[in-house]
């Protein structure tokens, strides 16, 4: 049986959402070479929720996010002290293939990044990579429907993914990510390059998708966190030793973080006293 969520704030009361955990992340330290990028950050992500990561630039929220599915393995000098457990399994165990981890913990990036191929082939890419043996057409259509893009592209599946608008391209990337049936979706500022209308559609899509996927969202937009996140983790930057090291300040239900934060630093950030 998976563990229930535990709180991460140093002065936190019993944690919210006492339900099954999808990811348990306990970062003691993250290094890039000799640079200490993140310290003392423990986050539990309950299944079927959206957990938002907020904080100023350089606070480590994207570094922690990318550690959840080992995307940081591709960065020279990356080293994690601590653990990340996905459904109880240690994703950093020597026996675990990081490609398999990313099959179950998908990623949507800040900039829409469709491949230079057709809409259909973009969505089918991961399925083919994983040697999917079922009905490919059916799987592609299902993913496009789940990403709320099917009605806009059903008559042009062979058109280039690059021919779509920015918002459509981001939804295409979401369709590509969910086509392989991941359990968790990581979203690293997925709306930062989009206009307000496209942003609203992606936010609506997140809320629709959380009935099937657990979502972890990095956002600079605090209003976005209040609109879509069930839980919010606030990260800050420690400059006390001359460097810039991110760390987790507080994690709680989103309403509590924004309306009654327990930590003074959280209170100052959500009031806009620094950014």
C-alpha atoms as a PDB file:
ATOM      1  CA  UNK A   1       0.000   0.000   0.000  1.00  0.00           C
ATOM      2  CA  UNK A   2       1.314   3.422  -0.903  1.00  0.00           C
ATOM      3  CA  UNK A   3       2.050   5.901   1.837  1.00  0.00           C
ATOM      4  CA  UNK A   4      -0.304   8.788   2.471  1.00  0.00           C
ATOM      5  CA  UNK A   5       0.888  12.335   1.912  1.00  0.00           C
ATOM      6  CA  UNK A   6       3.131  13.908   4.504  1.00  0.00           C
ATOM      7  CA  UNK A   7       3.634  17.615   5.013  1.00  0.00           C
ATOM      8  CA  UNK A   8       6.808  19.382   4.015  1.00  0.00           C
ATOM      9  CA  UNK A   9       6.636  22.741   5.777  1.00  0.00           C
ATOM     10  CA  UNK A  10       8.825  23.014   8.822  1.00  0.00           C
ATOM     11  CA  UNK A  11       5.819  24.268  10.815  1.00  0.00           C
ATOM     12  CA  UNK A  12       3.080  22.431   8.966  1.00  0.00           C
ATOM     13  CA  UNK A  13      -0.043  20.858  10.457  1.00  0.00           C
ATOM     14  CA  UNK A  14      -1.308  17.494   9.184  1.00  0.00           C
ATOM     15  CA  UNK A  15      -1.096  17.391   5.395  1.00  0.00           C
ATOM     16  CA  UNK A  16      -4.042  17.933   3.055  1.00  0.00           C
ATOM     17  CA  UNK A  17      -5.391  15.371   0.616  1.00  0.00           C
ATOM     18  CA  UNK A  18      -4.705  12.228   2.702  1.00  0.00           C
ATOM     19  CA  UNK A  19      -4.965   9.857  -0.258  1.00  0.00           C
ATOM     20  CA  UNK A  20      -2.861   7.566  -2.384  1.00  0.00           C
ATOM     21  CA  UNK A  21       0.445   9.115  -3.451  1.00  0.00           C
ATOM     22  CA  UNK A  22       1.646   9.086  -7.061  1.00  0.00           C
ATOM     23  CA  UNK A  23       5.079  10.615  -6.434  1.00  0.00           C
ATOM     24  CA  UNK A  24       7.015  11.018  -3.216  1.00  0.00           C
ATOM     25  CA  UNK A  25       9.984  13.319  -3.761  1.00  0.00           C
ATOM     26  CA  UNK A  26      12.507  13.908  -0.990  1.00  0.00           C
ATOM     27  CA  UNK A  27      15.373  16.066  -2.236  1.00  0.00           C
ATOM     28  CA  UNK A  28      18.179  16.513   0.253  1.00  0.00           C
ATOM     29  CA  UNK A  29      20.427  18.178  -2.307  1.00  0.00           C
ATOM     30  CA  UNK A  30      20.625  18.588  -6.087  1.00  0.00           C
ATOM     31  CA  UNK A  31      23.968  19.522  -7.624  1.00  0.00           C
ATOM     32  CA  UNK A  32      25.115  20.539 -11.074  1.00  0.00           C
ATOM     33  CA  UNK A  33      28.822  19.877 -10.720  1.00  0.00           C
ATOM     34  CA  UNK A  34      29.844  21.780  -7.580  1.00  0.00           C
ATOM     35  CA  UNK A  35      26.827  24.097  -7.726  1.00  0.00           C
ATOM     36  CA  UNK A  36      24.170  23.361  -5.111  1.00  0.00           C
ATOM     37  CA  UNK A  37      20.946  24.070  -7.003  1.00  0.00           C
ATOM     38  CA  UNK A  38      18.296  22.802  -4.558  1.00  0.00           C
ATOM     39  CA  UNK A  39      18.227  21.663  -0.951  1.00  0.00           C
ATOM     40  CA  UNK A  40      15.705  20.422   1.630  1.00  0.00           C
ATOM     41  CA  UNK A  41      12.651  19.953  -0.574  1.00  0.00           C
ATOM     42  CA  UNK A  42      10.120  17.237   0.119  1.00  0.00           C
ATOM     43  CA  UNK A  43       6.947  17.055  -1.939  1.00  0.00           C
ATOM     44  CA  UNK A  44       4.271  14.376  -2.008  1.00  0.00           C
ATOM     45  CA  UNK A  45       1.978  14.421  -5.042  1.00  0.00           C
ATOM     46  CA  UNK A  46      -1.393  12.729  -4.455  1.00  0.00           C
ATOM     47  CA  UNK A  47      -2.971  10.812  -7.312  1.00  0.00           C
ATOM     48  CA  UNK A  48      -5.673  12.585  -9.295  1.00  0.00           C
ATOM     49  CA  UNK A  49      -4.632  16.099  -8.295  1.00  0.00           C
ATOM     50  CA  UNK A  50      -2.877  19.106  -9.801  1.00  0.00           C
ATOM     51  CA  UNK A  51       0.097  20.231  -7.733  1.00  0.00           C
ATOM     52  CA  UNK A  52       1.494  23.639  -8.610  1.00  0.00           C
ATOM     53  CA  UNK A  53       5.100  24.756  -8.048  1.00  0.00           C
ATOM     54  CA  UNK A  54       5.490  28.527  -7.634  1.00  0.00           C
ATOM     55  CA  UNK A  55       8.346  30.810  -6.661  1.00  0.00           C
ATOM     56  CA  UNK A  56      10.800  33.386  -8.003  1.00  0.00           C
ATOM     57  CA  UNK A  57      13.259  32.702 -10.816  1.00  0.00           C
ATOM     58  CA  UNK A  58      16.120  30.473  -9.730  1.00  0.00           C
ATOM     59  CA  UNK A  59      14.233  28.867  -6.848  1.00  0.00           C
ATOM     60  CA  UNK A  60      14.611  25.338  -8.210  1.00  0.00           C
ATOM     61  CA  UNK A  61      11.009  24.564  -9.078  1.00  0.00           C
ATOM     62  CA  UNK A  62      11.823  23.428 -12.643  1.00  0.00           C
ATOM     63  CA  UNK A  63      14.889  21.541 -11.402  1.00  0.00           C
ATOM     64  CA  UNK A  64      12.746  19.588  -8.942  1.00  0.00           C
ATOM     65  CA  UNK A  65      10.069  19.006 -11.595  1.00  0.00           C
ATOM     66  CA  UNK A  66      12.583  17.608 -14.077  1.00  0.00           C
ATOM     67  CA  UNK A  67      14.042  15.381 -11.380  1.00  0.00           C
ATOM     68  CA  UNK A  68      10.720  13.582 -11.056  1.00  0.00           C
ATOM     69  CA  UNK A  69      11.155  11.762 -14.385  1.00  0.00           C
ATOM     70  CA  UNK A  70      14.951  11.965 -14.606  1.00  0.00           C
ATOM     71  CA  UNK A  71      15.051  14.613 -17.335  1.00  0.00           C
ATOM     72  CA  UNK A  72      17.957  16.154 -15.431  1.00  0.00           C
ATOM     73  CA  UNK A  73      20.020  13.050 -16.153  1.00  0.00           C
ATOM     74  CA  UNK A  74      20.762  14.692 -19.508  1.00  0.00           C
ATOM     75  CA  UNK A  75      22.451  17.682 -17.822  1.00  0.00           C
ATOM     76  CA  UNK A  76      26.198  17.220 -17.280  1.00  0.00           C
ATOM     77  CA  UNK A  77      27.175  17.119 -13.622  1.00  0.00           C
ATOM     78  CA  UNK A  78      23.655  16.510 -12.306  1.00  0.00           C
ATOM     79  CA  UNK A  79      23.566  14.660  -8.993  1.00  0.00           C
ATOM     80  CA  UNK A  80      20.633  14.070  -6.660  1.00  0.00           C
ATOM     81  CA  UNK A  81      20.932  13.203  -2.980  1.00  0.00           C
ATOM     82  CA  UNK A  82      17.617  11.894  -1.719  1.00  0.00           C
ATOM     83  CA  UNK A  83      14.967   9.887  -3.513  1.00  0.00           C
ATOM     84  CA  UNK A  84      12.015  10.039  -5.870  1.00  0.00           C
ATOM     85  CA  UNK A  85       9.464   7.268  -5.491  1.00  0.00           C
ATOM     86  CA  UNK A  86       6.840   6.683  -8.184  1.00  0.00           C
ATOM     87  CA  UNK A  87       4.027   4.450  -6.952  1.00  0.00           C
ATOM     88  CA  UNK A  88       6.456   3.162  -4.357  1.00  0.00           C
ATOM     89  CA  UNK A  89       9.327   2.450  -6.767  1.00  0.00           C
ATOM     90  CA  UNK A  90      12.625   4.346  -6.578  1.00  0.00           C
ATOM     91  CA  UNK A  91      13.060   5.893 -10.047  1.00  0.00           C
ATOM     92  CA  UNK A  92      16.779   6.457  -9.366  1.00  0.00           C
ATOM     93  CA  UNK A  93      17.491   2.830  -8.582  1.00  0.00           C
ATOM     94  CA  UNK A  94      20.369   1.519 -10.705  1.00  0.00           C
ATOM     95  CA  UNK A  95      18.107  -1.127 -12.228  1.00  0.00           C
ATOM     96  CA  UNK A  96      15.559   1.412 -13.525  1.00  0.00           C
ATOM     97  CA  UNK A  97      15.673   2.535 -17.164  1.00  0.00           C
ATOM     98  CA  UNK A  98      15.027   6.302 -17.319  1.00  0.00           C
ATOM     99  CA  UNK A  99      13.298   5.873 -20.694  1.00  0.00           C
ATOM    100  CA  UNK A 100      10.740   3.654 -18.986  1.00  0.00           C
ATOM    101  CA  UNK A 101      10.323   6.258 -16.227  1.00  0.00           C
ATOM    102  CA  UNK A 102       9.463   8.877 -18.855  1.00  0.00           C
ATOM    103  CA  UNK A 103       6.942   6.509 -20.392  1.00  0.00           C
ATOM    104  CA  UNK A 104       4.921   6.665 -17.169  1.00  0.00           C
ATOM    105  CA  UNK A 105       5.807  10.230 -16.145  1.00  0.00           C
ATOM    106  CA  UNK A 106       5.289  12.363 -19.251  1.00  0.00           C
ATOM    107  CA  UNK A 107       6.518  15.906 -19.878  1.00  0.00           C
ATOM    108  CA  UNK A 108       5.115  19.034 -21.523  1.00  0.00           C
ATOM    109  CA  UNK A 109       7.632  21.838 -21.950  1.00  0.00           C
ATOM    110  CA  UNK A 110       7.514  25.620 -21.726  1.00  0.00           C
ATOM    111  CA  UNK A 111       7.730  26.222 -25.475  1.00  0.00           C
ATOM    112  CA  UNK A 112       5.470  24.157 -27.748  1.00  0.00           C
ATOM    113  CA  UNK A 113       7.850  21.724 -29.428  1.00  0.00           C
ATOM    114  CA  UNK A 114       6.024  19.652 -32.039  1.00  0.00           C
ATOM    115  CA  UNK A 115       8.303  17.561 -34.206  1.00  0.00           C
ATOM    116  CA  UNK A 116       8.798  18.483 -37.859  1.00  0.00           C
ATOM    117  CA  UNK A 117       6.338  15.861 -39.005  1.00  0.00           C
ATOM    118  CA  UNK A 118       2.602  15.461 -39.467  1.00  0.00           C
ATOM    119  CA  UNK A 119       0.049  15.977 -36.711  1.00  0.00           C
ATOM    120  CA  UNK A 120      -0.683  12.245 -36.810  1.00  0.00           C
ATOM    121  CA  UNK A 121       2.971  11.240 -36.633  1.00  0.00           C
ATOM    122  CA  UNK A 122       3.594  13.619 -33.729  1.00  0.00           C
ATOM    123  CA  UNK A 123       0.965  11.869 -31.637  1.00  0.00           C
ATOM    124  CA  UNK A 124       1.994   8.406 -32.820  1.00  0.00           C
ATOM    125  CA  UNK A 125       5.698   9.007 -32.164  1.00  0.00           C
ATOM    126  CA  UNK A 126       5.825   7.672 -28.608  1.00  0.00           C
ATOM    127  CA  UNK A 127       3.513   4.788 -29.441  1.00  0.00           C
ATOM    128  CA  UNK A 128       5.814   3.657 -32.227  1.00  0.00           C
ATOM    129  CA  UNK A 129       8.860   4.143 -30.013  1.00  0.00           C
ATOM    130  CA  UNK A 130       7.254   1.861 -27.441  1.00  0.00           C
ATOM    131  CA  UNK A 131       6.271  -0.643 -30.166  1.00  0.00           C
ATOM    132  CA  UNK A 132       2.553  -0.295 -29.575  1.00  0.00           C
ATOM    133  CA  UNK A 133       0.749  -3.244 -31.187  1.00  0.00           C
ATOM    134  CA  UNK A 134      -2.851  -2.030 -31.037  1.00  0.00           C
ATOM    135  CA  UNK A 135      -4.961   0.147 -33.333  1.00  0.00           C
ATOM    136  CA  UNK A 136      -2.752   3.185 -33.931  1.00  0.00           C
ATOM    137  CA  UNK A 137      -5.462   5.268 -35.616  1.00  0.00           C
ATOM    138  CA  UNK A 138      -7.793   4.754 -32.669  1.00  0.00           C
ATOM    139  CA  UNK A 139      -5.085   5.618 -30.162  1.00  0.00           C
ATOM    140  CA  UNK A 140      -4.107   8.820 -31.996  1.00  0.00           C
ATOM    141  CA  UNK A 141      -7.717   9.955 -32.258  1.00  0.00           C
ATOM    142  CA  UNK A 142      -8.317   9.259 -28.572  1.00  0.00           C
ATOM    143  CA  UNK A 143      -5.266  11.311 -27.559  1.00  0.00           C
ATOM    144  CA  UNK A 144      -6.288  14.218 -29.789  1.00  0.00           C
ATOM    145  CA  UNK A 145      -9.796  14.121 -28.333  1.00  0.00           C
ATOM    146  CA  UNK A 146      -8.433  14.090 -24.792  1.00  0.00           C
ATOM    147  CA  UNK A 147      -6.283  17.107 -25.687  1.00  0.00           C
ATOM    148  CA  UNK A 148      -9.351  18.919 -27.075  1.00  0.00           C
ATOM    149  CA  UNK A 149      -7.730  19.158 -30.507  1.00  0.00           C
ATOM    150  CA  UNK A 150      -9.510  16.496 -32.564  1.00  0.00           C
ATOM    151  CA  UNK A 151     -12.270  18.711 -33.953  1.00  0.00           C
ATOM    152  CA  UNK A 152      -9.691  21.233 -35.157  1.00  0.00           C
ATOM    153  CA  UNK A 153      -7.390  18.771 -36.936  1.00  0.00           C
ATOM    154  CA  UNK A 154      -9.492  15.718 -37.849  1.00  0.00           C
ATOM    155  CA  UNK A 155      -9.647  16.804 -41.500  1.00  0.00           C
ATOM    156  CA  UNK A 156      -5.901  17.415 -41.811  1.00  0.00           C
ATOM    157  CA  UNK A 157      -4.022  14.718 -39.875  1.00  0.00           C
ATOM    158  CA  UNK A 158      -1.212  14.712 -42.448  1.00  0.00           C
ATOM    159  CA  UNK A 159      -0.621  18.463 -42.133  1.00  0.00           C
ATOM    160  CA  UNK A 160       2.591  19.497 -40.397  1.00  0.00           C
ATOM    161  CA  UNK A 161       2.370  19.963 -36.664  1.00  0.00           C
ATOM    162  CA  UNK A 162       4.347  23.152 -37.194  1.00  0.00           C
ATOM    163  CA  UNK A 163       1.466  24.614 -39.229  1.00  0.00           C
ATOM    164  CA  UNK A 164      -0.745  24.894 -36.132  1.00  0.00           C
ATOM    165  CA  UNK A 165      -1.126  27.982 -33.960  1.00  0.00           C
ATOM    166  CA  UNK A 166       0.888  28.247 -30.740  1.00  0.00           C
ATOM    167  CA  UNK A 167      -2.000  27.118 -28.564  1.00  0.00           C
ATOM    168  CA  UNK A 168      -2.816  24.239 -30.903  1.00  0.00           C
ATOM    169  CA  UNK A 169       0.832  23.195 -30.947  1.00  0.00           C
ATOM    170  CA  UNK A 170       0.880  23.034 -27.149  1.00  0.00           C
ATOM    171  CA  UNK A 171      -2.265  20.901 -27.131  1.00  0.00           C
ATOM    172  CA  UNK A 172      -0.634  18.696 -29.775  1.00  0.00           C
ATOM    173  CA  UNK A 173       2.326  18.251 -27.431  1.00  0.00           C
ATOM    174  CA  UNK A 174      -0.102  17.346 -24.646  1.00  0.00           C
ATOM    175  CA  UNK A 175      -1.760  14.799 -26.968  1.00  0.00           C
ATOM    176  CA  UNK A 176       1.675  13.352 -27.762  1.00  0.00           C
ATOM    177  CA  UNK A 177       2.460  13.107 -24.041  1.00  0.00           C
ATOM    178  CA  UNK A 178      -0.788  11.359 -23.091  1.00  0.00           C
ATOM    179  CA  UNK A 179      -0.903   9.008 -26.089  1.00  0.00           C
ATOM    180  CA  UNK A 180       1.350   6.526 -24.274  1.00  0.00           C
ATOM    181  CA  UNK A 181      -1.014   6.483 -21.265  1.00  0.00           C
ATOM    182  CA  UNK A 182       1.274   7.949 -18.612  1.00  0.00           C
ATOM    183  CA  UNK A 183       0.211   8.080 -14.999  1.00  0.00           C
ATOM    184  CA  UNK A 184       1.690  11.528 -14.322  1.00  0.00           C
ATOM    185  CA  UNK A 185       2.042  14.626 -16.517  1.00  0.00           C
ATOM    186  CA  UNK A 186       4.748  17.158 -15.704  1.00  0.00           C
ATOM    187  CA  UNK A 187       4.082  20.628 -17.135  1.00  0.00           C
ATOM    188  CA  UNK A 188       6.903  23.168 -17.074  1.00  0.00           C
ATOM    189  CA  UNK A 189       5.253  26.583 -17.582  1.00  0.00           C
ATOM    190  CA  UNK A 190       3.115  25.254 -20.453  1.00  0.00           C
ATOM    191  CA  UNK A 191       1.307  28.565 -20.991  1.00  0.00           C
ATOM    192  CA  UNK A 192       4.188  31.029 -20.781  1.00  0.00           C
ATOM    193  CA  UNK A 193       4.450  31.370 -24.588  1.00  0.00           C
ATOM    194  CA  UNK A 194       0.685  31.471 -25.199  1.00  0.00           C
ATOM    195  CA  UNK A 195      -1.822  34.291 -25.507  1.00  0.00           C
ATOM    196  CA  UNK A 196      -4.625  34.652 -22.916  1.00  0.00           C
ATOM    197  CA  UNK A 197      -7.199  32.752 -24.988  1.00  0.00           C
ATOM    198  CA  UNK A 198      -4.870  29.817 -25.618  1.00  0.00           C
ATOM    199  CA  UNK A 199      -3.811  29.897 -21.959  1.00  0.00           C
ATOM    200  CA  UNK A 200      -7.423  29.615 -20.838  1.00  0.00           C
ATOM    201  CA  UNK A 201      -7.982  26.621 -23.115  1.00  0.00           C
ATOM    202  CA  UNK A 202      -4.904  24.824 -21.772  1.00  0.00           C
ATOM    203  CA  UNK A 203      -5.997  25.540 -18.186  1.00  0.00           C
ATOM    204  CA  UNK A 204      -9.446  24.123 -18.939  1.00  0.00           C
ATOM    205  CA  UNK A 205      -7.735  21.101 -20.441  1.00  0.00           C
ATOM    206  CA  UNK A 206      -5.653  20.551 -17.296  1.00  0.00           C
ATOM    207  CA  UNK A 207      -8.819  20.455 -15.208  1.00  0.00           C
ATOM    208  CA  UNK A 208     -10.384  17.978 -17.637  1.00  0.00           C
ATOM    209  CA  UNK A 209      -7.304  15.748 -17.660  1.00  0.00           C
ATOM    210  CA  UNK A 210      -6.866  15.418 -13.912  1.00  0.00           C
ATOM    211  CA  UNK A 211      -9.676  12.845 -13.774  1.00  0.00           C
ATOM    212  CA  UNK A 212      -7.274  10.477 -15.537  1.00  0.00           C
ATOM    213  CA  UNK A 213      -3.788  11.852 -14.889  1.00  0.00           C
ATOM    214  CA  UNK A 214      -1.901  13.296 -11.956  1.00  0.00           C
ATOM    215  CA  UNK A 215      -0.448  16.674 -12.960  1.00  0.00           C
ATOM    216  CA  UNK A 216       2.520  18.616 -11.584  1.00  0.00           C
ATOM    217  CA  UNK A 217       2.658  22.180 -12.888  1.00  0.00           C
ATOM    218  CA  UNK A 218       5.442  24.759 -12.711  1.00  0.00           C
ATOM    219  CA  UNK A 219       4.089  28.279 -13.185  1.00  0.00           C
ATOM    220  CA  UNK A 220       5.278  31.861 -12.703  1.00  0.00           C
ATOM    221  CA  UNK A 221       1.635  32.920 -12.830  1.00  0.00           C
ATOM    222  CA  UNK A 222       0.216  32.848  -9.309  1.00  0.00           C
ATOM    223  CA  UNK A 223      -3.307  33.440 -10.626  1.00  0.00           C
ATOM    224  CA  UNK A 224      -2.933  30.333 -12.756  1.00  0.00           C
ATOM    225  CA  UNK A 225      -2.015  28.326  -9.661  1.00  0.00           C
ATOM    226  CA  UNK A 226      -5.137  29.576  -7.882  1.00  0.00           C
ATOM    227  CA  UNK A 227      -7.300  28.637 -10.875  1.00  0.00           C
ATOM    228  CA  UNK A 228      -6.088  25.079 -11.473  1.00  0.00           C
ATOM    229  CA  UNK A 229      -3.949  23.706  -8.619  1.00  0.00           C
ATOM    230  CA  UNK A 230      -5.340  21.644  -5.750  1.00  0.00           C
ATOM    231  CA  UNK A 231      -2.033  21.875  -3.890  1.00  0.00           C
ATOM    232  CA  UNK A 232       0.678  24.500  -4.197  1.00  0.00           C
ATOM    233  CA  UNK A 233       4.347  24.271  -3.262  1.00  0.00           C
ATOM    234  CA  UNK A 234       6.207  27.551  -2.764  1.00  0.00           C
ATOM    235  CA  UNK A 235       9.955  27.543  -3.390  1.00  0.00           C
ATOM    236  CA  UNK A 236      12.366  30.355  -2.518  1.00  0.00           C
ATOM    237  CA  UNK A 237      16.071  31.157  -3.046  1.00  0.00           C
ATOM    238  CA  UNK A 238      18.718  31.017  -0.332  1.00  0.00           C
ATOM    239  CA  UNK A 239      21.500  33.559  -1.001  1.00  0.00           C
ATOM    240  CA  UNK A 240      22.931  33.506   2.517  1.00  0.00           C
ATOM    241  CA  UNK A 241      26.197  31.818   1.526  1.00  0.00           C
ATOM    242  CA  UNK A 242      26.845  33.819  -1.618  1.00  0.00           C
ATOM    243  CA  UNK A 243      25.194  31.339  -3.976  1.00  0.00           C
ATOM    244  CA  UNK A 244      21.630  30.811  -5.188  1.00  0.00           C
ATOM    245  CA  UNK A 245      20.121  27.629  -3.807  1.00  0.00           C
ATOM    246  CA  UNK A 246      16.431  26.843  -4.130  1.00  0.00           C
ATOM    247  CA  UNK A 247      14.467  25.221  -1.337  1.00  0.00           C
ATOM    248  CA  UNK A 248      10.883  24.402  -0.434  1.00  0.00           C
ATOM    249  CA  UNK A 249       9.292  26.838   1.980  1.00  0.00           C
ATOM    250  CA  UNK A 250       5.748  25.554   2.231  1.00  0.00           C
ATOM    251  CA  UNK A 251       3.318  23.080   0.682  1.00  0.00           C
ATOM    252  CA  UNK A 252      -0.411  23.048   1.285  1.00  0.00           C
ATOM    253  CA  UNK A 253      -3.840  23.292  -0.229  1.00  0.00           C
ATOM    254  CA  UNK A 254      -3.861  26.142  -2.718  1.00  0.00           C
ATOM    255  CA  UNK A 255      -6.493  28.164  -0.874  1.00  0.00           C
ATOM    256  CA  UNK A 256      -4.458  27.934   2.340  1.00  0.00           C
ATOM    257  CA  UNK A 257      -1.208  28.941   0.634  1.00  0.00           C
ATOM    258  CA  UNK A 258      -2.759  32.068  -0.868  1.00  0.00           C
ATOM    259  CA  UNK A 259      -5.205  33.034   1.874  1.00  0.00           C
ATOM    260  CA  UNK A 260      -3.542  31.875   5.097  1.00  0.00           C
ATOM    261  CA  UNK A 261       0.105  30.959   4.513  1.00  0.00           C
ATOM    262  CA  UNK A 262       1.932  29.584   7.535  1.00  0.00           C
ATOM    263  CA  UNK A 263       5.364  30.949   6.626  1.00  0.00           C
ATOM    264  CA  UNK A 264       6.189  34.660   6.564  1.00  0.00           C
ATOM    265  CA  UNK A 265       8.165  34.298   3.340  1.00  0.00           C
ATOM    266  CA  UNK A 266       5.169  32.707   1.615  1.00  0.00           C
ATOM    267  CA  UNK A 267       2.966  35.539   2.830  1.00  0.00           C
ATOM    268  CA  UNK A 268       5.328  38.135   1.378  1.00  0.00           C
ATOM    269  CA  UNK A 269       5.547  36.342  -1.969  1.00  0.00           C
ATOM    270  CA  UNK A 270       1.824  35.864  -2.536  1.00  0.00           C
ATOM    271  CA  UNK A 271       1.268  39.516  -1.585  1.00  0.00           C
ATOM    272  CA  UNK A 272       3.656  40.486  -4.366  1.00  0.00           C
ATOM    273  CA  UNK A 273       6.306  41.968  -2.081  1.00  0.00           C
ATOM    274  CA  UNK A 274       9.025  40.239  -4.152  1.00  0.00           C
ATOM    275  CA  UNK A 275       9.177  38.164  -7.311  1.00  0.00           C
END
